[in-house]
PDB file of N, CA and C in Angstrom:
ATOM      1  N   MET A   1     114.869 134.909 218.294  1.00  0.00           N
ATOM      2  CA  MET A   1     114.425 133.582 217.899  1.00  0.00           C
ATOM      3  C   MET A   1     112.937 133.397 218.199  1.00  0.00           C
ATOM      4  N   VAL A   2     112.495 133.891 219.352  1.00  0.00           N
ATOM      5  CA  VAL A   2     111.086 133.771 219.719  1.00  0.00           C
ATOM      6  C   VAL A   2     110.225 134.594 218.764  1.00  0.00           C
ATOM      7  N   THR A   3     110.717 135.759 218.374  1.00  0.00           N
ATOM      8  CA  THR A   3     109.976 136.599 217.429  1.00  0.00           C
ATOM      9  C   THR A   3     109.839 135.897 216.090  1.00  0.00           C
ATOM     10  N   PHE A   4     110.911 135.231 215.621  1.00  0.00           N
ATOM     11  CA  PHE A   4     110.858 134.502 214.357  1.00  0.00           C
ATOM     12  C   PHE A   4     109.826 133.376 214.430  1.00  0.00           C
ATOM     13  N   LEU A   5     109.811 132.643 215.529  1.00  0.00           N
ATOM     14  CA  LEU A   5     108.854 131.550 215.667  1.00  0.00           C
ATOM     15  C   LEU A   5     107.415 132.058 215.755  1.00  0.00           C
ATOM     16  N   LEU A   6     107.204 133.134 216.501  1.00  0.00           N
ATOM     17  CA  LEU A   6     105.868 133.709 216.597  1.00  0.00           C
ATOM     18  C   LEU A   6     105.411 134.267 215.248  1.00  0.00           C
ATOM     19  N   SER A   7     106.318 134.913 214.541  1.00  0.00           N
ATOM     20  CA  SER A   7     105.993 135.412 213.204  1.00  0.00           C
ATOM     21  C   SER A   7     105.673 134.255 212.262  1.00  0.00           C
ATOM     22  N   SER A   8     106.382 133.140 212.413  1.00  0.00           N
ATOM     23  CA  SER A   8     106.117 131.971 211.577  1.00  0.00           C
ATOM     24  C   SER A   8     104.739 131.382 211.866  1.00  0.00           C
ATOM     25  N   VAL A   9     104.355 131.346 213.124  1.00  0.00           N
ATOM     26  CA  VAL A   9     103.021 130.854 213.485  1.00  0.00           C
ATOM     27  C   VAL A   9     101.953 131.764 212.891  1.00  0.00           C
ATOM     28  N   LEU A  10     102.143 133.075 212.988  1.00  0.00           N
ATOM     29  CA  LEU A  10     101.187 134.018 212.412  1.00  0.00           C
ATOM     30  C   LEU A  10     101.129 133.891 210.896  1.00  0.00           C
ATOM     31  N   TYR A  11     102.296 133.681 210.267  1.00  0.00           N
ATOM     32  CA  TYR A  11     102.311 133.529 208.811  1.00  0.00           C
ATOM     33  C   TYR A  11     101.641 132.215 208.407  1.00  0.00           C
ATOM     34  N   ALA A  12     101.811 131.157 209.216  1.00  0.00           N
ATOM     35  CA  ALA A  12     101.136 129.889 208.936  1.00  0.00           C
ATOM     36  C   ALA A  12      99.619 130.078 208.980  1.00  0.00           C
ATOM     37  N   LEU A  13      99.150 130.834 209.958  1.00  0.00           N
ATOM     38  CA  LEU A  13      97.721 131.135 210.029  1.00  0.00           C
ATOM     39  C   LEU A  13      97.255 131.924 208.812  1.00  0.00           C
ATOM     40  N   SER A  14      98.072 132.872 208.386  1.00  0.00           N
ATOM     41  CA  SER A  14      97.700 133.680 207.220  1.00  0.00           C
ATOM     42  C   SER A  14      97.708 132.839 205.940  1.00  0.00           C
ATOM     43  N   VAL A  15      98.606 131.863 205.839  1.00  0.00           N
ATOM     44  CA  VAL A  15      98.610 130.968 204.676  1.00  0.00           C
ATOM     45  C   VAL A  15      97.346 130.112 204.679  1.00  0.00           C
ATOM     46  N   MET A  16      96.920 129.676 205.854  1.00  0.00           N
ATOM     47  CA  MET A  16      95.693 128.881 205.932  1.00  0.00           C
ATOM     48  C   MET A  16      94.469 129.703 205.520  1.00  0.00           C
ATOM     49  N   VAL A  17      94.439 130.973 205.910  1.00  0.00           N
ATOM     50  CA  VAL A  17      93.342 131.846 205.495  1.00  0.00           C
ATOM     51  C   VAL A  17      93.413 132.080 203.986  1.00  0.00           C
ATOM     52  N   ALA A  18      94.603 132.314 203.469  1.00  0.00           N
ATOM     53  CA  ALA A  18      94.758 132.548 202.026  1.00  0.00           C
ATOM     54  C   ALA A  18      94.347 131.313 201.234  1.00  0.00           C
ATOM     55  N   ALA A  19      94.577 130.126 201.759  1.00  0.00           N
ATOM     56  CA  ALA A  19      94.203 128.896 201.059  1.00  0.00           C
ATOM     57  C   ALA A  19      92.689 128.772 200.910  1.00  0.00           C
ATOM     58  N   ARG A  20      91.946 129.377 201.824  1.00  0.00           N
ATOM     59  CA  ARG A  20      90.488 129.349 201.714  1.00  0.00           C
ATOM     60  C   ARG A  20      89.984 130.318 200.642  1.00  0.00           C
ATOM     61  N   VAL A  21      90.786 131.327 200.319  1.00  0.00           N
ATOM     62  CA  VAL A  21      90.345 132.362 199.386  1.00  0.00           C
ATOM     63  C   VAL A  21      90.918 132.137 197.983  1.00  0.00           C
ATOM     64  N   VAL A  22      92.172 131.740 197.892  1.00  0.00           N
ATOM     65  CA  VAL A  22      92.865 131.640 196.604  1.00  0.00           C
ATOM     66  C   VAL A  22      92.660 130.247 196.009  1.00  0.00           C
ATOM     67  N   PRO A  23      92.061 130.173 194.819  1.00  0.00           N
ATOM     68  CA  PRO A  23      91.954 128.865 194.169  1.00  0.00           C
ATOM     69  C   PRO A  23      93.344 128.399 193.714  1.00  0.00           C
ATOM     70  N   GLY A  24      93.622 127.129 193.922  1.00  0.00           N
ATOM     71  CA  GLY A  24      94.921 126.590 193.530  1.00  0.00           C
ATOM     72  C   GLY A  24      95.929 126.562 194.657  1.00  0.00           C
ATOM     73  N   LEU A  25      95.549 127.019 195.831  1.00  0.00           N
ATOM     74  CA  LEU A  25      96.409 126.978 197.012  1.00  0.00           C
ATOM     75  C   LEU A  25      95.730 126.069 198.037  1.00  0.00           C
ATOM     76  N   HIS A  26      96.426 124.981 198.404  1.00  0.00           N
ATOM     77  CA  HIS A  26      95.840 123.979 199.285  1.00  0.00           C
ATOM     78  C   HIS A  26      96.762 123.739 200.472  1.00  0.00           C
ATOM     79  N   VAL A  27      96.186 123.730 201.670  1.00  0.00           N
ATOM     80  CA  VAL A  27      96.935 123.448 202.893  1.00  0.00           C
ATOM     81  C   VAL A  27      96.303 122.224 203.540  1.00  0.00           C
ATOM     82  N   ARG A  28      97.117 121.211 203.840  1.00  0.00           N
ATOM     83  CA  ARG A  28      96.593 119.978 204.427  1.00  0.00           C
ATOM     84  C   ARG A  28      96.356 120.103 205.931  1.00  0.00           C
ATOM     85  N   SER A  29      97.258 120.777 206.646  1.00  0.00           N
ATOM     86  CA  SER A  29      97.129 120.874 208.099  1.00  0.00           C
ATOM     87  C   SER A  29      97.889 122.097 208.598  1.00  0.00           C
ATOM     88  N   PHE A  30      97.658 122.430 209.861  1.00  0.00           N
ATOM     89  CA  PHE A  30      98.387 123.550 210.444  1.00  0.00           C
ATOM     90  C   PHE A  30      99.873 123.230 210.534  1.00  0.00           C
ATOM     91  N   GLY A  31     100.214 121.972 210.826  1.00  0.00           N
ATOM     92  CA  GLY A  31     101.629 121.565 210.883  1.00  0.00           C
ATOM     93  C   GLY A  31     102.318 121.769 209.549  1.00  0.00           C
ATOM     94  N   GLY A  32     101.627 121.419 208.465  1.00  0.00           N
ATOM     95  CA  GLY A  32     102.188 121.644 207.136  1.00  0.00           C
ATOM     96  C   GLY A  32     102.357 123.127 206.843  1.00  0.00           C
ATOM     97  N   ALA A  33     101.373 123.921 207.259  1.00  0.00           N
ATOM     98  CA  ALA A  33     101.467 125.369 207.050  1.00  0.00           C
ATOM     99  C   ALA A  33     102.598 125.963 207.878  1.00  0.00           C
ATOM    100  N   LEU A  34     102.811 125.425 209.081  1.00  0.00           N
ATOM    101  CA  LEU A  34     103.903 125.924 209.927  1.00  0.00           C
ATOM    102  C   LEU A  34     105.263 125.576 209.327  1.00  0.00           C
ATOM    103  N   LYS A  35     105.419 124.348 208.831  1.00  0.00           N
ATOM    104  CA  LYS A  35     106.665 123.976 208.145  1.00  0.00           C
ATOM    105  C   LYS A  35     106.889 124.869 206.936  1.00  0.00           C
ATOM    106  N   PHE A  36     105.822 125.110 206.182  1.00  0.00           N
ATOM    107  CA  PHE A  36     105.893 125.978 205.010  1.00  0.00           C
ATOM    108  C   PHE A  36     106.349 127.376 205.406  1.00  0.00           C
ATOM    109  N   ALA A  37     105.771 127.910 206.480  1.00  0.00           N
ATOM    110  CA  ALA A  37     106.134 129.258 206.934  1.00  0.00           C
ATOM    111  C   ALA A  37     107.592 129.317 207.382  1.00  0.00           C
ATOM    112  N   LEU A  38     108.057 128.289 208.066  1.00  0.00           N
ATOM    113  CA  LEU A  38     109.463 128.261 208.502  1.00  0.00           C
ATOM    114  C   LEU A  38     110.415 128.188 207.314  1.00  0.00           C
ATOM    115  N   VAL A  39     110.099 127.317 206.356  1.00  0.00           N
ATOM    116  CA  VAL A  39     110.949 127.198 205.163  1.00  0.00           C
ATOM    117  C   VAL A  39     110.917 128.496 204.369  1.00  0.00           C
ATOM    118  N   LEU A  40     109.744 129.088 204.227  1.00  0.00           N
ATOM    119  CA  LEU A  40     109.642 130.349 203.497  1.00  0.00           C
ATOM    120  C   LEU A  40     110.416 131.460 204.196  1.00  0.00           C
ATOM    121  N   GLY A  41     110.392 131.481 205.521  1.00  0.00           N
ATOM    122  CA  GLY A  41     111.178 132.477 206.264  1.00  0.00           C
ATOM    123  C   GLY A  41     112.667 132.319 206.026  1.00  0.00           C
ATOM    124  N   VAL A  42     113.135 131.074 205.993  1.00  0.00           N
ATOM    125  CA  VAL A  42     114.559 130.829 205.725  1.00  0.00           C
ATOM    126  C   VAL A  42     114.908 131.207 204.283  1.00  0.00           C
ATOM    127  N   LEU A  43     114.060 130.802 203.329  1.00  0.00           N
ATOM    128  CA  LEU A  43     114.306 131.168 201.930  1.00  0.00           C
ATOM    129  C   LEU A  43     114.314 132.680 201.750  1.00  0.00           C
ATOM    130  N   ASP A  44     113.387 133.338 202.429  1.00  0.00           N
ATOM    131  CA  ASP A  44     113.310 134.793 202.343  1.00  0.00           C
ATOM    132  C   ASP A  44     114.585 135.434 202.891  1.00  0.00           C
ATOM    133  N   ALA A  45     115.065 134.914 204.003  1.00  0.00           N
ATOM    134  CA  ALA A  45     116.280 135.483 204.612  1.00  0.00           C
ATOM    135  C   ALA A  45     117.519 135.209 203.768  1.00  0.00           C
ATOM    136  N   VAL A  46     117.568 134.066 203.114  1.00  0.00           N
ATOM    137  CA  VAL A  46     118.769 133.671 202.379  1.00  0.00           C
ATOM    138  C   VAL A  46     118.754 134.155 200.929  1.00  0.00           C
ATOM    139  N   LEU A  47     117.621 133.984 200.240  1.00  0.00           N
ATOM    140  CA  LEU A  47     117.596 134.215 198.797  1.00  0.00           C
ATOM    141  C   LEU A  47     117.019 135.558 198.347  1.00  0.00           C
ATOM    142  N   PHE A  48     116.115 136.137 199.134  1.00  0.00           N
ATOM    143  CA  PHE A  48     115.399 137.320 198.631  1.00  0.00           C
ATOM    144  C   PHE A  48     116.335 138.467 198.266  1.00  0.00           C
ATOM    145  N   LYS A  49     117.257 138.794 199.149  1.00  0.00           N
ATOM    146  CA  LYS A  49     118.151 139.926 198.872  1.00  0.00           C
ATOM    147  C   LYS A  49     119.048 139.640 197.682  1.00  0.00           C
ATOM    148  N   ALA A  50     119.518 138.396 197.565  1.00  0.00           N
ATOM    149  CA  ALA A  50     120.376 138.042 196.430  1.00  0.00           C
ATOM    150  C   ALA A  50     119.598 138.133 195.120  1.00  0.00           C
ATOM    151  N   LEU A  51     118.371 137.628 195.097  1.00  0.00           N
ATOM    152  CA  LEU A  51     117.564 137.703 193.879  1.00  0.00           C
ATOM    153  C   LEU A  51     117.186 139.145 193.552  1.00  0.00           C
ATOM    154  N   ALA A  52     116.896 139.931 194.570  1.00  0.00           N
ATOM    155  CA  ALA A  52     116.573 141.342 194.341  1.00  0.00           C
ATOM    156  C   ALA A  52     117.775 142.081 193.761  1.00  0.00           C
ATOM    157  N   LEU A  53     118.955 141.758 194.242  1.00  0.00           N
ATOM    158  CA  LEU A  53     120.160 142.398 193.724  1.00  0.00           C
ATOM    159  C   LEU A  53     120.454 141.949 192.298  1.00  0.00           C
ATOM    160  N   LEU A  54     120.286 140.668 192.013  1.00  0.00           N
ATOM    161  CA  LEU A  54     120.537 140.157 190.662  1.00  0.00           C
ATOM    162  C   LEU A  54     119.573 140.737 189.633  1.00  0.00           C
ATOM    163  N   THR A  55     118.362 141.008 190.053  1.00  0.00           N
ATOM    164  CA  THR A  55     117.350 141.528 189.137  1.00  0.00           C
ATOM    165  C   THR A  55     117.128 143.036 189.320  1.00  0.00           C
ATOM    166  N   LEU A  56     118.101 143.711 189.872  1.00  0.00           N
ATOM    167  CA  LEU A  56     117.948 145.138 190.183  1.00  0.00           C
ATOM    168  C   LEU A  56     117.507 145.994 188.992  1.00  0.00           C
ATOM    169  N   PRO A  57     118.052 145.800 187.788  1.00  0.00           N
ATOM    170  CA  PRO A  57     117.567 146.626 186.670  1.00  0.00           C
ATOM    171  C   PRO A  57     116.066 146.435 186.406  1.00  0.00           C
ATOM    172  N   VAL A  58     115.580 145.206 186.492  1.00  0.00           N
ATOM    173  CA  VAL A  58     114.162 144.943 186.270  1.00  0.00           C
ATOM    174  C   VAL A  58     113.335 145.531 187.417  1.00  0.00           C
ATOM    175  N   VAL A  59     113.841 145.428 188.625  1.00  0.00           N
ATOM    176  CA  VAL A  59     113.147 145.998 189.786  1.00  0.00           C
ATOM    177  C   VAL A  59     113.016 147.508 189.613  1.00  0.00           C
ATOM    178  N   ILE A  60     114.076 148.158 189.157  1.00  0.00           N
ATOM    179  CA  ILE A  60     114.036 149.609 188.952  1.00  0.00           C
ATOM    180  C   ILE A  60     113.066 149.971 187.831  1.00  0.00           C
ATOM    181  N   LEU A  61     113.106 149.214 186.733  1.00  0.00           N
ATOM    182  CA  LEU A  61     112.211 149.496 185.606  1.00  0.00           C
ATOM    183  C   LEU A  61     110.737 149.325 185.964  1.00  0.00           C
ATOM    184  N   THR A  62     110.441 148.417 186.860  1.00  0.00           N
ATOM    185  CA  THR A  62     109.054 148.174 187.252  1.00  0.00           C
ATOM    186  C   THR A  62     108.677 148.898 188.537  1.00  0.00           C
ATOM    187  N   PHE A  63     109.530 149.814 188.970  1.00  0.00           N
ATOM    188  CA  PHE A  63     109.286 150.584 190.195  1.00  0.00           C
ATOM    189  C   PHE A  63     109.078 149.691 191.414  1.00  0.00           C
ATOM    190  N   GLY A  64     109.794 148.578 191.452  1.00  0.00           N
ATOM    191  CA  GLY A  64     109.758 147.683 192.598  1.00  0.00           C
ATOM    192  C   GLY A  64     108.706 146.598 192.540  1.00  0.00           C
ATOM    193  N   LEU A  65     107.831 146.628 191.542  1.00  0.00           N
ATOM    194  CA  LEU A  65     106.776 145.627 191.469  1.00  0.00           C
ATOM    195  C   LEU A  65     107.316 144.233 191.173  1.00  0.00           C
ATOM    196  N   PHE A  66     108.506 144.134 190.582  1.00  0.00           N
ATOM    197  CA  PHE A  66     109.093 142.826 190.302  1.00  0.00           C
ATOM    198  C   PHE A  66     109.437 142.095 191.598  1.00  0.00           C
ATOM    199  N   LEU A  67     109.570 142.822 192.686  1.00  0.00           N
ATOM    200  CA  LEU A  67     109.818 142.183 193.982  1.00  0.00           C
ATOM    201  C   LEU A  67     108.656 141.271 194.372  1.00  0.00           C
ATOM    202  N   LEU A  68     107.444 141.598 193.921  1.00  0.00           N
ATOM    203  CA  LEU A  68     106.291 140.734 194.172  1.00  0.00           C
ATOM    204  C   LEU A  68     106.440 139.414 193.428  1.00  0.00           C
ATOM    205  N   VAL A  69     107.027 139.460 192.233  1.00  0.00           N
ATOM    206  CA  VAL A  69     107.274 138.240 191.465  1.00  0.00           C
ATOM    207  C   VAL A  69     108.327 137.383 192.166  1.00  0.00           C
ATOM    208  N   ILE A  70     109.346 138.021 192.717  1.00  0.00           N
ATOM    209  CA  ILE A  70     110.374 137.279 193.454  1.00  0.00           C
ATOM    210  C   ILE A  70     109.761 136.616 194.675  1.00  0.00           C
ATOM    211  N   ARG A  71     108.905 137.327 195.396  1.00  0.00           N
ATOM    212  CA  ARG A  71     108.223 136.742 196.554  1.00  0.00           C
ATOM    213  C   ARG A  71     107.350 135.554 196.137  1.00  0.00           C
ATOM    214  N   ALA A  72     106.658 135.692 195.011  1.00  0.00           N
ATOM    215  CA  ALA A  72     105.833 134.584 194.520  1.00  0.00           C
ATOM    216  C   ALA A  72     106.698 133.389 194.149  1.00  0.00           C
ATOM    217  N   PHE A  73     107.856 133.633 193.563  1.00  0.00           N
ATOM    218  CA  PHE A  73     108.777 132.548 193.231  1.00  0.00           C
ATOM    219  C   PHE A  73     109.243 131.832 194.496  1.00  0.00           C
ATOM    220  N   LEU A  74     109.572 132.569 195.538  1.00  0.00           N
ATOM    221  CA  LEU A  74     109.987 131.960 196.798  1.00  0.00           C
ATOM    222  C   LEU A  74     108.825 131.189 197.442  1.00  0.00           C
ATOM    223  N   PHE A  75     107.615 131.702 197.314  1.00  0.00           N
ATOM    224  CA  PHE A  75     106.420 131.018 197.807  1.00  0.00           C
ATOM    225  C   PHE A  75     106.274 129.680 197.087  1.00  0.00           C
ATOM    226  N   TRP A  76     106.436 129.677 195.769  1.00  0.00           N
ATOM    227  CA  TRP A  76     106.349 128.464 194.964  1.00  0.00           C
ATOM    228  C   TRP A  76     107.485 127.498 195.313  1.00  0.00           C
ATOM    229  N   LEU A  77     108.687 128.027 195.521  1.00  0.00           N
ATOM    230  CA  LEU A  77     109.831 127.187 195.866  1.00  0.00           C
ATOM    231  C   LEU A  77     109.634 126.528 197.228  1.00  0.00           C
ATOM    232  N   ALA A  78     109.084 127.249 198.180  1.00  0.00           N
ATOM    233  CA  ALA A  78     108.804 126.671 199.494  1.00  0.00           C
ATOM    234  C   ALA A  78     107.780 125.548 199.372  1.00  0.00           C
ATOM    235  N   ASP A  79     106.829 125.707 198.452  1.00  0.00           N
ATOM    236  CA  ASP A  79     105.853 124.647 198.208  1.00  0.00           C
ATOM    237  C   ASP A  79     106.546 123.372 197.725  1.00  0.00           C
ATOM    238  N   LYS A  80     107.550 123.508 196.903  1.00  0.00           N
ATOM    239  CA  LYS A  80     108.266 122.342 196.378  1.00  0.00           C
ATOM    240  C   LYS A  80     109.102 121.656 197.458  1.00  0.00           C
ATOM    241  N   LEU A  81     109.470 122.372 198.506  1.00  0.00           N
ATOM    242  CA  LEU A  81     110.305 121.819 199.564  1.00  0.00           C
ATOM    243  C   LEU A  81     109.503 121.252 200.740  1.00  0.00           C
ATOM    244  N   VAL A  82     108.230 121.604 200.837  1.00  0.00           N
ATOM    245  CA  VAL A  82     107.394 121.181 201.973  1.00  0.00           C
ATOM    246  C   VAL A  82     106.182 120.421 201.431  1.00  0.00           C
ATOM    247  N   ALA A  83     105.855 119.320 202.073  1.00  0.00           N
ATOM    248  CA  ALA A  83     104.763 118.475 201.582  1.00  0.00           C
ATOM    249  C   ALA A  83     103.379 118.923 202.069  1.00  0.00           C
ATOM    250  N   GLY A  84     103.274 119.788 203.042  1.00  0.00           N
ATOM    251  CA  GLY A  84     101.983 120.144 203.620  1.00  0.00           C
ATOM    252  C   GLY A  84     101.192 121.197 202.876  1.00  0.00           C
ATOM    253  N   VAL A  85     101.811 121.866 201.926  1.00  0.00           N
ATOM    254  CA  VAL A  85     101.151 122.927 201.165  1.00  0.00           C
ATOM    255  C   VAL A  85     101.341 122.628 199.686  1.00  0.00           C
ATOM    256  N   GLN A  86     100.278 122.850 198.903  1.00  0.00           N
ATOM    257  CA  GLN A  86     100.361 122.625 197.468  1.00  0.00           C
ATOM    258  C   GLN A  86      99.916 123.879 196.734  1.00  0.00           C
ATOM    259  N   VAL A  87     100.754 124.325 195.809  1.00  0.00           N
ATOM    260  CA  VAL A  87     100.442 125.473 194.959  1.00  0.00           C
ATOM    261  C   VAL A  87     100.343 124.948 193.534  1.00  0.00           C
ATOM    262  N   ASP A  88      99.179 125.128 192.900  1.00  0.00           N
ATOM    263  CA  ASP A  88      98.942 124.537 191.583  1.00  0.00           C
ATOM    264  C   ASP A  88      99.642 125.267 190.447  1.00  0.00           C
ATOM    265  N   ASN A  89      99.728 126.588 190.510  1.00  0.00           N
ATOM    266  CA  ASN A  89     100.317 127.343 189.400  1.00  0.00           C
ATOM    267  C   ASN A  89     100.914 128.644 189.927  1.00  0.00           C
ATOM    268  N   PHE A  90     101.545 129.384 189.019  1.00  0.00           N
ATOM    269  CA  PHE A  90     102.219 130.609 189.443  1.00  0.00           C
ATOM    270  C   PHE A  90     101.232 131.679 189.892  1.00  0.00           C
ATOM    271  N   LEU A  91     100.069 131.736 189.269  1.00  0.00           N
ATOM    272  CA  LEU A  91      99.065 132.724 189.687  1.00  0.00           C
ATOM    273  C   LEU A  91      98.615 132.464 191.122  1.00  0.00           C
ATOM    274  N   ALA A  92      98.441 131.197 191.466  1.00  0.00           N
ATOM    275  CA  ALA A  92      98.079 130.855 192.850  1.00  0.00           C
ATOM    276  C   ALA A  92      99.212 131.234 193.797  1.00  0.00           C
ATOM    277  N   ALA A  93     100.462 131.022 193.364  1.00  0.00           N
ATOM    278  CA  ALA A  93     101.603 131.413 194.200  1.00  0.00           C
ATOM    279  C   ALA A  93     101.642 132.922 194.369  1.00  0.00           C
ATOM    280  N   PHE A  94     101.392 133.663 193.303  1.00  0.00           N
ATOM    281  CA  PHE A  94     101.414 135.128 193.359  1.00  0.00           C
ATOM    282  C   PHE A  94     100.322 135.650 194.283  1.00  0.00           C
ATOM    283  N   LEU A  95      99.089 135.185 194.066  1.00  0.00           N
ATOM    284  CA  LEU A  95      97.978 135.658 194.890  1.00  0.00           C
ATOM    285  C   LEU A  95      98.097 135.180 196.330  1.00  0.00           C
ATOM    286  N   GLY A  96      98.552 133.940 196.523  1.00  0.00           N
ATOM    287  CA  GLY A  96      98.742 133.422 197.876  1.00  0.00           C
ATOM    288  C   GLY A  96      99.811 134.184 198.626  1.00  0.00           C
ATOM    289  N   SER A  97     100.896 134.502 197.930  1.00  0.00           N
ATOM    290  CA  SER A  97     101.974 135.277 198.539  1.00  0.00           C
ATOM    291  C   SER A  97     101.490 136.682 198.913  1.00  0.00           C
ATOM    292  N   LEU A  98     100.766 137.296 198.014  1.00  0.00           N
ATOM    293  CA  LEU A  98     100.268 138.654 198.236  1.00  0.00           C
ATOM    294  C   LEU A  98      99.273 138.689 199.401  1.00  0.00           C
ATOM    295  N   LEU A  99      98.310 137.784 199.392  1.00  0.00           N
ATOM    296  CA  LEU A  99      97.281 137.784 200.422  1.00  0.00           C
ATOM    297  C   LEU A  99      97.834 137.354 201.781  1.00  0.00           C
ATOM    298  N   SER A 100      98.632 136.294 201.809  1.00  0.00           N
ATOM    299  CA  SER A 100      99.173 135.845 203.094  1.00  0.00           C
ATOM    300  C   SER A 100     100.156 136.864 203.659  1.00  0.00           C
ATOM    301  N   GLY A 101     100.882 137.547 202.797  1.00  0.00           N
ATOM    302  CA  GLY A 101     101.773 138.603 203.262  1.00  0.00           C
ATOM    303  C   GLY A 101     101.002 139.765 203.877  1.00  0.00           C
ATOM    304  N   ALA A 102      99.897 140.139 203.240  1.00  0.00           N
ATOM    305  CA  ALA A 102      99.082 141.234 203.771  1.00  0.00           C
ATOM    306  C   ALA A 102      98.440 140.848 205.099  1.00  0.00           C
ATOM    307  N   ILE A 103      97.914 139.635 205.184  1.00  0.00           N
ATOM    308  CA  ILE A 103      97.292 139.177 206.426  1.00  0.00           C
ATOM    309  C   ILE A 103      98.343 139.060 207.531  1.00  0.00           C
ATOM    310  N   GLY A 104      99.509 138.509 207.184  1.00  0.00           N
ATOM    311  CA  GLY A 104     100.591 138.396 208.166  1.00  0.00           C
ATOM    312  C   GLY A 104     101.055 139.749 208.664  1.00  0.00           C
ATOM    313  N   PHE A 105     101.118 140.730 207.763  1.00  0.00           N
ATOM    314  CA  PHE A 105     101.509 142.085 208.153  1.00  0.00           C
ATOM    315  C   PHE A 105     100.522 142.667 209.161  1.00  0.00           C
ATOM    316  N   VAL A 106      99.238 142.501 208.883  1.00  0.00           N
ATOM    317  CA  VAL A 106      98.213 143.033 209.782  1.00  0.00           C
ATOM    318  C   VAL A 106      98.284 142.337 211.148  1.00  0.00           C
ATOM    319  N   LEU A 107      98.432 141.016 211.148  1.00  0.00           N
ATOM    320  CA  LEU A 107      98.517 140.285 212.416  1.00  0.00           C
ATOM    321  C   LEU A 107      99.742 140.691 213.226  1.00  0.00           C
ATOM    322  N   ARG A 108     100.896 140.813 212.552  1.00  0.00           N
ATOM    323  CA  ARG A 108     102.109 141.237 213.268  1.00  0.00           C
ATOM    324  C   ARG A 108     101.967 142.654 213.801  1.00  0.00           C
ATOM    325  N   HIS A 109     101.330 143.529 213.032  1.00  0.00           N
ATOM    326  CA  HIS A 109     101.123 144.911 213.477  1.00  0.00           C
ATOM    327  C   HIS A 109     100.180 144.965 214.681  1.00  0.00           C
ATOM    328  N   LEU A 110      99.135 144.155 214.673  1.00  0.00           N
ATOM    329  CA  LEU A 110      98.197 144.132 215.786  1.00  0.00           C
ATOM    330  C   LEU A 110      98.856 143.623 217.070  1.00  0.00           C
ATOM    331  N   LEU A 111      99.791 142.682 216.923  1.00  0.00           N
ATOM    332  CA  LEU A 111     100.480 142.148 218.096  1.00  0.00           C
ATOM    333  C   LEU A 111     101.749 142.909 218.450  1.00  0.00           C
ATOM    334  N   GLY A 112     102.107 143.882 217.639  1.00  0.00           N
ATOM    335  CA  GLY A 112     103.275 144.704 217.931  1.00  0.00           C
ATOM    336  C   GLY A 112     104.601 144.027 217.678  1.00  0.00           C
ATOM    337  N   LEU A 113     104.658 143.107 216.721  1.00  0.00           N
ATOM    338  CA  LEU A 113     105.917 142.424 216.410  1.00  0.00           C
ATOM    339  C   LEU A 113     106.686 143.136 215.313  1.00  0.00           C
TER     340      LEU A 113
END
């Protein structure tokens, strides 16, 4: 549980950094980014595997790149459920998901999580 919360804090920080770089991605506050990260973590745990399984033929045809589209969809869906983060369009969701995921990965790796 502590690892999930720490990972959520790191992901919230990465979303805030991504919002400064990606046009169309807006974060109002750290609290909003933290709520967004928590909701996205729950959506990822609940929906990602089911969506990946449902779209398995497309995932195989695209050599797994369609998984990035699923992640962007979950990023956009989390935006609709949380008021602290705003994603203007799917491209912003895709780039925000990609960049915040990469930054979060680096931060978790540096801290050994």
